Each structure stands twice: as C-alpha cells, then as structure tokens.
Amino acid sequence: MIDWSLAGQVARGIANLQPAGDPTPFEQLSGPAAESERLVSAYTGLSAEALPVAEAVGRPEWIDANLRAIGGVLDPLADRLGSKLGPIGGAAGALLAIEAGAISGLLGGRVLGQYEFPVLDPAGPARLLFVAPNLAHAAQALDADPDQLLRWVALHETTHALQFGGVPWLRGHLAGLVGELLGALEVDPRGLLRIPDLSDLRGLVERVRADGLAFVAVGEERRGSLESAQAFMALLEGYAEHVMDAVGADLLADLDSMRAAMERRRTERSGLLRVLDKLIGLDLKLRQYEQGKAFCDAVVARGGIAALNRAWAGPEALPTFVELDDAVGWLARTERLGLGRGAA
C-alpha cells in the first residue's frame, strides 16, 4: 500500500535542501567507537557481547535505513487498514509515502548519529550509524572542534548500543509498547471523505497544542499506553544524555560550550520548522531529552549511577510518566522493590 520508492525520492529531495559539510573528518570511527565503549561501560557498568561496527554514512544511506525501519512499523498497519479503505487505498498509500518521506528527509539533514534496529523484531540486526555530512555541518554551526564533537556524539550513541545490547529485555519491551500503540490506531474511511466543520478544527488544534499529535492519534482511551512509551523513551534518551556529559567532562576540553551550543541548536528553529517539529513529534523528542536528563541527573545526584541502573532490572522498575518529575518517589519505590543496590 505504501510506495516506499516515492518516499525515498521525497526524502532525498528534502534532505538535499539542507546545508551539509565536508564528511571527511568524520569517516574514521574505529578509534572514537572503541574509546566510547570502554569509557561508557566503565562508568555505567553496562556491557554487551558485541556492539555493531560504527559506520560513517551519507544522508541517502541514513534515509534508506530509516525508511526500512519505518516500513517495518507502518507496513503491517497499512496492510491492516488497506482492506477498510477500498478504492481510496492507493491515494492513502501515496499520502503516507509522501509524509514518511518528508519526515525522513527533514531528519536526514539533522540527525548526527543513531543506534538503529528493526523495532518490531527484537532479534533483528542493529547498526551504529554516524551521518558524516550532518556532523560536519553541526561542527561548523556549533563552532566545535570536529574531533571533540565526534567523540561526544559517539558517547551518546554507544550508550544506546550498550543499553539495548546489555539489557536483554529492552528490545522486546519496546516492541511490545509500539505494537500496543499500533493496535490502537484505527481509520474510519468515512472520516477521510468528510470535511470537518469549524468546531472540529478548533478542537483538534487545541488538543494537538495541549497533548501533541501522538495523543490525538491514539485517543484518550490509550493515553496510559502512550505515556508508558514516552516515559520509556525519555529514560533511554535522558540516560544517554547524562552519560555523554558525565563521561565527557573528563574527556572533552570544551564540553560546557558544546552542551550550550547543542541546546541552542535543538531549540532555535524558524517558525515553519517549529510547526513541523510539533506536527511530526520532534518537539516531543526535545522534551524527552530535557525531562529524561533532568530525571537521570537527579537520581545520580542522590544515589549514583548504581541507583539509576535499577531501571534496567525489569519493566516494573521503569519510571512512570509521573515519576519522571519525581526522582525521589521513583527511588523510594524501587527501594521497596528490593533494588536498593542497583541492577546493571
């Protein structure tokens, strides 16, 4: 139903509109990758039998990998919905392709690195990707030393690799969360053909503004499922953000200036791009970084990294959506679960 060839054309076209830099300084990754694995493992206690080999890729390669990952999630949903759409299924498939391509293209000009794997297949192979032209442009925009920026980003992505490689149940848990949310998505073909009235539009705008597009898509009855997924992603991102700064403090001479510049890069968007961020969920990603890092920093300040590693003991130990703003409450709850000494 979804024309992935069309999606790729759209994505590459949009990515090419965004500025890029010389990828050469970011193509030799073996040293930074080995350094990151050693330092992150030493700090966190996380270890994996074997991490994916770090790969320097261009924007087209990253887009192809991202669209394959998106396809693994959307194709089953599209197949389920296709029978309901009847003769308008082809048009809906083209629309989905354009939307997926537009999102991938926008991200393809911005993503610096990514630990990538098929979300719904916990046993599928993983890759550790660094988008060389984006790293080069970011170094210019942030006025950062290329080597320092690469080592800093490598800390973040290696942390994700060690999370999923060293905690066996994480990928299956994520697949379950995503599968549950996909099961909640339903499309009524009649709704696609109906022109909404003004009150519908006002209500929709207010709901998106208050809760984000994802909450609107799954509906109020699945709010708990979406909050669980968001809390999980905030923990993953916040943990990586905490580690890249904690380890980077002794490794990188200009960490403070790079952190400040990175925060500006994430928040200083033009009006149109800010709207796009809201619509496709990038504003949510930013909140995940901020909220998750604040939670992880607070936990480590009170109990060290061993206390934060209680989260990896099992799904019951993960912070809830509410606990992300209550590190003390989460510490107390996990203490009652018998996880007082941590669980890496």
Foldseek 3Di string as FASTA:
>chain_A
DADQVLLLVLLVVLLVVAAWADLVVVQDCPVLLVVLQVLLCVAQVFDFPDFADEGADALSVQLVLVSVLVCLQCVVLLVVQQVQQPPCSVVVNHVVSNVSSNVSNVVSNADAWAFDFNLLDLPTDIYTYGHRGNLRVLCVQLVHDSVLSSSLVSNLRSLLRRLPRRQPCVSVVRNVLSVVQSVQADDRNVVVVDDDDPVVVVVVVVCCVVPFPSCVRNDPVCPQSVQQNLLVLLQSLLVSVQRSCVSCVVPHDPVVSSVVSVVCVLPDDDPVVVVVCRNVVVVSVVVSNVLNNVLCVVLCVPQNSQLSQQCSPDVVLRDTSVCSVPSVVSSVVSVVVVSVRHDD
